[in-house]
C-alpha atoms as a PDB file:
ATOM      1  CA  GLU A   1      10.410  27.296 -19.602  1.00  0.00           C
ATOM      2  CA  ALA A   2      11.414  27.492 -22.964  1.00  0.00           C
ATOM      3  CA  ALA A   3      15.291  27.462 -21.940  1.00  0.00           C
ATOM      4  CA  GLN A   4      14.289  24.166 -20.029  1.00  0.00           C
ATOM      5  CA  GLY A   5      12.446  23.097 -22.980  1.00  0.00           C
ATOM      6  CA  VAL A   6      15.690  23.080 -25.138  1.00  0.00           C
ATOM      7  CA  LEU A   7      17.718  21.554 -22.311  1.00  0.00           C
ATOM      8  CA  ASN A   8      15.109  18.406 -22.093  1.00  0.00           C
ATOM      9  CA  GLN A   9      15.478  18.036 -25.955  1.00  0.00           C
ATOM     10  CA  ALA A  10      19.354  18.125 -25.804  1.00  0.00           C
ATOM     11  CA  LEU A  11      19.283  15.335 -23.213  1.00  0.00           C
ATOM     12  CA  ARG A  12      16.786  13.344 -25.246  1.00  0.00           C
ATOM     13  CA  LEU A  13      18.967  13.615 -28.345  1.00  0.00           C
ATOM     14  CA  LYS A  14      21.852  12.599 -26.286  1.00  0.00           C
ATOM     15  CA  GLY A  15      20.174   9.726 -24.921  1.00  0.00           C
ATOM     16  CA  GLU A  16      22.173  10.179 -21.735  1.00  0.00           C
ATOM     17  CA  LEU A  17      20.787  10.740 -18.209  1.00  0.00           C
ATOM     18  CA  ARG A  18      22.953  11.832 -15.490  1.00  0.00           C
ATOM     19  CA  GLY A  19      22.595  13.420 -11.848  1.00  0.00           C
ATOM     20  CA  MET A  20      21.088  12.764  -8.568  1.00  0.00           C
ATOM     21  CA  VAL A  21      17.032  12.043  -8.188  1.00  0.00           C
ATOM     22  CA  ARG A  22      15.621  12.640  -4.748  1.00  0.00           C
ATOM     23  CA  LEU A  23      13.066  10.135  -4.256  1.00  0.00           C
ATOM     24  CA  GLY A  24      10.517  10.022  -1.538  1.00  0.00           C
ATOM     25  CA  THR A  25       9.292   6.668  -0.004  1.00  0.00           C
ATOM     26  CA  ILE A  26       6.907   5.431   2.471  1.00  0.00           C
ATOM     27  CA  SER A  27       6.176   2.126   3.990  1.00  0.00           C
ATOM     28  CA  GLU A  28       8.637  -0.633   3.446  1.00  0.00           C
ATOM     29  CA  PRO A  29      10.858  -1.186   0.331  1.00  0.00           C
ATOM     30  CA  VAL A  30       9.261  -4.500  -0.541  1.00  0.00           C
ATOM     31  CA  ALA A  31       5.758  -3.132  -0.635  1.00  0.00           C
ATOM     32  CA  LEU A  32       6.824  -0.266  -3.002  1.00  0.00           C
ATOM     33  CA  ARG A  33       8.849  -2.825  -5.311  1.00  0.00           C
ATOM     34  CA  LEU A  34      11.797  -0.552  -5.019  1.00  0.00           C
ATOM     35  CA  GLY A  35      14.418  -3.516  -5.575  1.00  0.00           C
ATOM     36  CA  ASP A  36      12.704  -4.256  -8.920  1.00  0.00           C
ATOM     37  CA  PHE A  37      12.279  -0.670  -9.655  1.00  0.00           C
ATOM     38  CA  LEU A  38      15.883   0.385  -8.865  1.00  0.00           C
ATOM     39  CA  SER A  39      17.863  -2.380 -10.536  1.00  0.00           C
ATOM     40  CA  ALA A  40      16.103  -2.081 -13.683  1.00  0.00           C
ATOM     41  CA  LEU A  41      16.510   1.754 -13.586  1.00  0.00           C
ATOM     42  CA  VAL A  42      20.407   1.818 -12.575  1.00  0.00           C
ATOM     43  CA  ALA A  43      21.180  -1.176 -15.301  1.00  0.00           C
ATOM     44  CA  THR A  44      19.618   1.101 -18.035  1.00  0.00           C
ATOM     45  CA  HIS A  45      20.692   4.510 -16.620  1.00  0.00           C
ATOM     46  CA  PRO A  46      24.115   3.862 -14.837  1.00  0.00           C
ATOM     47  CA  GLY A  47      24.659   7.682 -14.747  1.00  0.00           C
ATOM     48  CA  LEU A  48      21.576   8.224 -12.332  1.00  0.00           C
ATOM     49  CA  GLU A  49      22.097   8.184  -8.826  1.00  0.00           C
ATOM     50  CA  VAL A  50      18.850   7.745  -6.649  1.00  0.00           C
ATOM     51  CA  GLN A  51      18.589   9.345  -3.135  1.00  0.00           C
ATOM     52  CA  LEU A  52      16.025   7.722  -0.958  1.00  0.00           C
ATOM     53  CA  GLN A  53      14.202   9.843   1.872  1.00  0.00           C
ATOM     54  CA  GLN A  54      12.142   7.839   3.888  1.00  0.00           C
ATOM     55  CA  GLY A  55       8.782   9.481   5.153  1.00  0.00           C
ATOM     56  CA  VAL A  56       5.092   9.621   5.471  1.00  0.00           C
ATOM     57  CA  SER A  57       2.739  10.610   2.915  1.00  0.00           C
ATOM     58  CA  GLY A  58       2.007  14.142   4.100  1.00  0.00           C
ATOM     59  CA  THR A  59       5.869  14.913   4.292  1.00  0.00           C
ATOM     60  CA  VAL A  60       6.349  13.427   0.979  1.00  0.00           C
ATOM     61  CA  LEU A  61       3.689  15.529  -0.753  1.00  0.00           C
ATOM     62  CA  ASP A  62       4.848  18.613   0.806  1.00  0.00           C
ATOM     63  CA  ASP A  63       8.279  17.768  -0.212  1.00  0.00           C
ATOM     64  CA  VAL A  64       7.549  17.126  -3.707  1.00  0.00           C
ATOM     65  CA  ARG A  65       5.743  20.280  -3.823  1.00  0.00           C
ATOM     66  CA  ALA A  66       8.242  22.268  -2.232  1.00  0.00           C
ATOM     67  CA  GLY A  67      11.151  20.997  -4.674  1.00  0.00           C
ATOM     68  CA  ARG A  68      12.719  19.269  -2.052  1.00  0.00           C
ATOM     69  CA  LEU A  69      12.223  16.011  -3.498  1.00  0.00           C
ATOM     70  CA  ASP A  70      11.955  15.152  -7.444  1.00  0.00           C
ATOM     71  CA  ALA A  71       9.077  12.450  -6.858  1.00  0.00           C
ATOM     72  CA  GLY A  72       7.809  10.336  -4.207  1.00  0.00           C
ATOM     73  CA  TYR A  73       5.032   7.519  -3.173  1.00  0.00           C
ATOM     74  CA  VAL A  74       2.150   8.442  -1.266  1.00  0.00           C
ATOM     75  CA  LEU A  75      -0.865   6.712   0.005  1.00  0.00           C
ATOM     76  CA  ASP A  76      -3.741   8.930  -0.718  1.00  0.00           C
ATOM     77  CA  ASP A  77      -7.596   8.965  -1.155  1.00  0.00           C
ATOM     78  CA  GLU A  78      -8.260  12.317  -2.611  1.00  0.00           C
ATOM     79  CA  PRO A  79      -5.438  13.288  -4.827  1.00  0.00           C
ATOM     80  CA  ASP A  80      -5.618  17.209  -6.112  1.00  0.00           C
ATOM     81  CA  ASP A  81      -4.417  18.784  -9.206  1.00  0.00           C
ATOM     82  CA  THR A  82      -1.496  20.560  -8.155  1.00  0.00           C
ATOM     83  CA  LEU A  83       0.887  17.479  -8.786  1.00  0.00           C
ATOM     84  CA  CYS A  84       0.925  14.854 -11.381  1.00  0.00           C
ATOM     85  CA  TRP A  85      -0.538  11.458  -9.559  1.00  0.00           C
ATOM     86  CA  VAL A  86       0.203   8.059 -11.453  1.00  0.00           C
ATOM     87  CA  LYS A  87      -1.711   5.343 -10.163  1.00  0.00           C
ATOM     88  CA  LEU A  88       0.000   2.393  -9.333  1.00  0.00           C
ATOM     89  CA  ALA A  89      -2.384   0.160  -7.024  1.00  0.00           C
ATOM     90  CA  ASP A  90      -5.288  -0.136  -5.081  1.00  0.00           C
ATOM     91  CA  VAL A  91      -4.761  -0.643  -1.338  1.00  0.00           C
ATOM     92  CA  SER A  92      -6.690  -2.559   1.294  1.00  0.00           C
ATOM     93  CA  LEU A  93      -6.270  -1.356   4.783  1.00  0.00           C
ATOM     94  CA  HIS A  94      -7.873  -3.130   7.920  1.00  0.00           C
ATOM     95  CA  VAL A  95      -8.435  -2.644  11.574  1.00  0.00           C
ATOM     96  CA  VAL A  96      -6.647  -5.177  13.825  1.00  0.00           C
ATOM     97  CA  GLY A  97      -6.274  -5.602  17.477  1.00  0.00           C
ATOM     98  CA  PRO A  98      -4.204  -7.902  19.836  1.00  0.00           C
ATOM     99  CA  ALA A  99      -4.778 -11.421  19.601  1.00  0.00           C
ATOM    100  CA  VAL A 100      -5.758 -11.836  23.334  1.00  0.00           C
ATOM    101  CA  TRP A 101      -8.868  -9.573  22.518  1.00  0.00           C
ATOM    102  CA  GLY A 102     -10.090 -12.646  20.508  1.00  0.00           C
ATOM    103  CA  GLU A 103     -13.692 -13.145  19.659  1.00  0.00           C
ATOM    104  CA  ALA A 104     -15.011 -10.010  21.634  1.00  0.00           C
ATOM    105  CA  PHE A 105     -13.153  -7.727  19.377  1.00  0.00           C
ATOM    106  CA  ARG A 106     -13.892  -9.446  15.981  1.00  0.00           C
ATOM    107  CA  THR A 107     -17.689  -8.752  17.198  1.00  0.00           C
ATOM    108  CA  ALA A 108     -17.347  -5.481  18.507  1.00  0.00           C
ATOM    109  CA  THR A 109     -19.643  -2.591  17.277  1.00  0.00           C
ATOM    110  CA  TRP A 110     -18.290   1.134  16.692  1.00  0.00           C
ATOM    111  CA  ARG A 111     -19.106   2.106  20.466  1.00  0.00           C
ATOM    112  CA  GLU A 112     -17.119  -1.046  22.001  1.00  0.00           C
ATOM    113  CA  ILE A 113     -14.248  -0.087  19.600  1.00  0.00           C
ATOM    114  CA  VAL A 114     -13.799   3.450  20.920  1.00  0.00           C
ATOM    115  CA  GLU A 115     -13.730   2.117  24.455  1.00  0.00           C
ATOM    116  CA  ARG A 116     -10.665  -0.098  23.299  1.00  0.00           C
ATOM    117  CA  SER A 117      -7.106   1.551  23.255  1.00  0.00           C
ATOM    118  CA  TRP A 118      -5.838   2.581  19.853  1.00  0.00           C
ATOM    119  CA  VAL A 119      -2.473   3.124  18.300  1.00  0.00           C
ATOM    120  CA  GLY A 120      -2.637   5.869  16.081  1.00  0.00           C
ATOM    121  CA  THR A 121      -0.130   7.791  13.397  1.00  0.00           C
ATOM    122  CA  PRO A 122       1.161  11.249  13.220  1.00  0.00           C
ATOM    123  CA  PRO A 123      -1.026  14.094  11.610  1.00  0.00           C
ATOM    124  CA  ALA A 124       1.259  14.026   8.408  1.00  0.00           C
ATOM    125  CA  CYS A 125       0.361  10.359   7.666  1.00  0.00           C
ATOM    126  CA  SER A 126      -2.414   9.085   5.786  1.00  0.00           C
ATOM    127  CA  PHE A 127      -3.300   6.191   7.987  1.00  0.00           C
ATOM    128  CA  HIS A 128      -4.106   9.285  10.408  1.00  0.00           C
ATOM    129  CA  HIS A 129      -6.486  11.108   8.204  1.00  0.00           C
ATOM    130  CA  ILE A 130      -8.101   7.802   7.127  1.00  0.00           C
ATOM    131  CA  THR A 131      -8.833   6.902  10.643  1.00  0.00           C
ATOM    132  CA  GLU A 132     -10.054  10.181  11.690  1.00  0.00           C
ATOM    133  CA  ARG A 133     -12.848   9.774   8.624  1.00  0.00           C
ATOM    134  CA  LEU A 134     -13.788   6.422   9.585  1.00  0.00           C
ATOM    135  CA  PHE A 135     -14.272   7.517  13.271  1.00  0.00           C
ATOM    136  CA  GLN A 136     -16.013  10.807  12.285  1.00  0.00           C
ATOM    137  CA  ALA A 137     -18.132   9.097   9.921  1.00  0.00           C
ATOM    138  CA  GLN A 138     -19.724   7.144  13.233  1.00  0.00           C
ATOM    139  CA  GLY A 139     -19.459  10.523  15.270  1.00  0.00           C
ATOM    140  CA  LEU A 140     -16.771   8.995  17.416  1.00  0.00           C
ATOM    141  CA  ARG A 141     -13.090   9.357  18.167  1.00  0.00           C
ATOM    142  CA  PRO A 142     -10.535   6.995  18.940  1.00  0.00           C
ATOM    143  CA  ASN A 143      -8.717   6.069  22.474  1.00  0.00           C
ATOM    144  CA  THR A 144      -5.401   6.888  21.206  1.00  0.00           C
ATOM    145  CA  VAL A 145      -2.863   5.772  23.964  1.00  0.00           C
ATOM    146  CA  ALA A 146       0.376   5.634  21.458  1.00  0.00           C
ATOM    147  CA  VAL A 147       1.514   7.190  18.136  1.00  0.00           C
ATOM    148  CA  ALA A 148       3.983   5.569  15.977  1.00  0.00           C
ATOM    149  CA  ASP A 149       5.086   6.110  12.045  1.00  0.00           C
ATOM    150  CA  GLN A 150       6.145   3.031  10.816  1.00  0.00           C
ATOM    151  CA  GLU A 151       4.102   0.088  10.106  1.00  0.00           C
ATOM    152  CA  ARG A 152       6.394  -2.363  11.483  1.00  0.00           C
ATOM    153  CA  THR A 153       6.166  -0.542  14.850  1.00  0.00           C
ATOM    154  CA  LEU A 154       2.244  -0.356  14.533  1.00  0.00           C
ATOM    155  CA  ARG A 155       2.368  -4.142  14.119  1.00  0.00           C
ATOM    156  CA  SER A 156       4.456  -4.838  17.085  1.00  0.00           C
ATOM    157  CA  LEU A 157       2.641  -2.392  19.355  1.00  0.00           C
ATOM    158  CA  VAL A 158      -0.657  -4.681  18.430  1.00  0.00           C
ATOM    159  CA  ALA A 159       1.098  -7.835  19.190  1.00  0.00           C
ATOM    160  CA  ALA A 160       2.499  -6.639  22.444  1.00  0.00           C
ATOM    161  CA  GLY A 161      -1.186  -5.790  23.335  1.00  0.00           C
ATOM    162  CA  VAL A 162      -0.967  -1.874  23.450  1.00  0.00           C
ATOM    163  CA  GLY A 163      -3.896  -1.431  21.222  1.00  0.00           C
ATOM    164  CA  ALA A 164      -5.766  -1.507  17.723  1.00  0.00           C
ATOM    165  CA  THR A 165      -4.571  -0.042  14.895  1.00  0.00           C
ATOM    166  CA  LEU A 166      -4.995   0.343  11.032  1.00  0.00           C
ATOM    167  CA  LEU A 167      -2.522  -2.030   8.760  1.00  0.00           C
ATOM    168  CA  ARG A 168      -2.456  -2.729   5.155  1.00  0.00           C
ATOM    169  CA  GLU A 169      -3.750  -5.954   4.408  1.00  0.00           C
ATOM    170  CA  ASP A 170      -0.784  -7.762   3.757  1.00  0.00           C
ATOM    171  CA  GLN A 171       0.525  -6.710   7.090  1.00  0.00           C
ATOM    172  CA  ALA A 172      -2.652  -7.333   8.853  1.00  0.00           C
ATOM    173  CA  THR A 173      -2.685 -10.726   7.202  1.00  0.00           C
ATOM    174  CA  ALA A 174       0.758 -11.775   8.532  1.00  0.00           C
ATOM    175  CA  ALA A 175       0.054 -10.390  12.032  1.00  0.00           C
ATOM    176  CA  ILE A 176      -3.139 -12.535  12.065  1.00  0.00           C
ATOM    177  CA  GLU A 177      -0.984 -15.699  10.740  1.00  0.00           C
ATOM    178  CA  ALA A 178       1.532 -15.334  13.331  1.00  0.00           C
ATOM    179  CA  GLY A 179      -1.077 -15.076  16.025  1.00  0.00           C
ATOM    180  CA  GLU A 180      -0.231 -11.579  16.968  1.00  0.00           C
ATOM    181  CA  ALA A 181      -3.397 -10.045  15.844  1.00  0.00           C
ATOM    182  CA  VAL A 182      -7.261 -10.343  15.547  1.00  0.00           C
ATOM    183  CA  ARG A 183      -8.933  -8.732  12.471  1.00  0.00           C
ATOM    184  CA  TRP A 184     -12.194  -6.467  13.059  1.00  0.00           C
ATOM    185  CA  PRO A 185     -14.258  -6.687  10.037  1.00  0.00           C
ATOM    186  CA  GLY A 186     -16.369  -3.438  10.418  1.00  0.00           C
ATOM    187  CA  ALA A 187     -14.140  -1.045   8.780  1.00  0.00           C
ATOM    188  CA  GLU A 188     -12.169  -2.022   5.811  1.00  0.00           C
ATOM    189  CA  HIS A 189     -11.139   0.688   3.915  1.00  0.00           C
ATOM    190  CA  ARG A 190      -9.423   1.248   0.270  1.00  0.00           C
ATOM    191  CA  THR A 191      -7.188   3.980  -0.680  1.00  0.00           C
ATOM    192  CA  GLY A 192      -4.512   4.339  -3.757  1.00  0.00           C
ATOM    193  CA  LEU A 193      -1.061   3.900  -3.908  1.00  0.00           C
ATOM    194  CA  TRP A 194       0.358   6.810  -5.958  1.00  0.00           C
ATOM    195  CA  PHE A 195       3.653   8.018  -7.562  1.00  0.00           C
ATOM    196  CA  VAL A 196       3.728  12.004  -7.654  1.00  0.00           C
ATOM    197  CA  TYR A 197       5.922  14.719  -8.952  1.00  0.00           C
ATOM    198  CA  GLN A 198       5.594  18.690  -9.976  1.00  0.00           C
ATOM    199  CA  ARG A 199       3.182  19.145 -13.050  1.00  0.00           C
ATOM    200  CA  HIS A 200       5.220  21.552 -14.427  1.00  0.00           C
ATOM    201  CA  ARG A 201       8.368  19.228 -14.455  1.00  0.00           C
ATOM    202  CA  GLY A 202       6.480  16.328 -16.567  1.00  0.00           C
ATOM    203  CA  GLY A 203       8.407  16.985 -19.921  1.00  0.00           C
ATOM    204  CA  GLU A 204      11.936  16.712 -18.115  1.00  0.00           C
ATOM    205  CA  PRO A 205      13.574  13.486 -19.174  1.00  0.00           C
ATOM    206  CA  VAL A 206      14.640  12.271 -15.902  1.00  0.00           C
ATOM    207  CA  LEU A 207      10.907  12.429 -14.368  1.00  0.00           C
ATOM    208  CA  GLN A 208       9.683  10.745 -17.813  1.00  0.00           C
ATOM    209  CA  THR A 209      12.120   7.707 -17.305  1.00  0.00           C
ATOM    210  CA  LEU A 210      11.475   7.701 -13.529  1.00  0.00           C
ATOM    211  CA  THR A 211       7.686   7.325 -14.099  1.00  0.00           C
ATOM    212  CA  GLU A 212       8.247   4.771 -16.983  1.00  0.00           C
ATOM    213  CA  PHE A 213      10.166   2.566 -14.904  1.00  0.00           C
ATOM    214  CA  VAL A 214       7.869   2.855 -12.114  1.00  0.00           C
ATOM    215  CA  ARG A 215       5.172   2.029 -14.369  1.00  0.00           C
ATOM    216  CA  ARG A 216       6.579  -1.059 -15.796  1.00  0.00           C
ATOM    217  CA  THR A 217       7.244  -2.326 -12.174  1.00  0.00           C
ATOM    218  CA  TRP A 218       3.470  -1.881 -11.262  1.00  0.00           C
ATOM    219  CA  ALA A 219       2.246  -3.126 -15.018  1.00  0.00           C
ATOM    220  CA  SER A 220       1.952  -6.977 -13.532  1.00  0.00           C
ATOM    221  CA  GLU A 221      -0.263  -5.820 -10.535  1.00  0.00           C
ATOM    222  CA  GLN A 222      -3.461  -7.555 -11.100  1.00  0.00           C
ATOM    223  CA  ASP A 223      -4.660  -7.821  -7.164  1.00  0.00           C
ATOM    224  CA  ASP A 224      -6.953  -4.893  -6.218  1.00  0.00           C
ATOM    225  CA  HIS A 225      -4.622  -4.338  -3.030  1.00  0.00           C
ATOM    226  CA  LEU A 226      -1.233  -3.826  -2.393  1.00  0.00           C
ATOM    227  CA  ARG A 227       1.190  -6.628  -1.620  1.00  0.00           C
ATOM    228  CA  PRO A 228       4.769  -7.391  -1.309  1.00  0.00           C
ATOM    229  CA  ALA A 229       6.446  -8.223  -4.698  1.00  0.00           C
ATOM    230  CA  GLY A 230       6.587 -11.964  -4.785  1.00  0.00           C
ATOM    231  CA  ARG A 231       3.261 -12.845  -3.266  1.00  0.00           C
END
């Protein structure tokens, strides 16, 4: 630790950051504001190379803890103290179903919802755990007929009439406006978007710089839900 501290101080004095940074991502780049973040970062620190690794929240957390990733983005309700968690935004999640289900879906009870087909997500995905908690609170289990790990795929399966699912508010709104889906008002959920890294590495110049630029990118966030850049 002392040796690493000396190296960190030397890099600060030199004022130059070089090397590869492994960054775990989830969702879609526009939802994470990756374009704004990366363009500002590489313009200021051209010696850094950022390697993006797409995943879901559970795998990103596992890889950050194991050191396979230097940092990453995750959605989570209950952050623990094993990592440093930087809150970027609150995220609203909504249950949507195929548009053809119409008013019967909008006015459905929980009991009627479990009789409908459900498009789920893998166990490592934060949406999976959130869905489980929502249904378990009612003493129910969803009728899962398909599983997907990308929001674009979830939305397309809803549009195709496969079943209902949980989507971010901006995705749910876009699907509704496109005539693909209807919203069920009975289970809105709020979670958080976080930037995470190993706690003991917090003094490293590269991670300090990444955190600074991520914070800057999200400093203008004023809404209470996650939205794509430019909206």
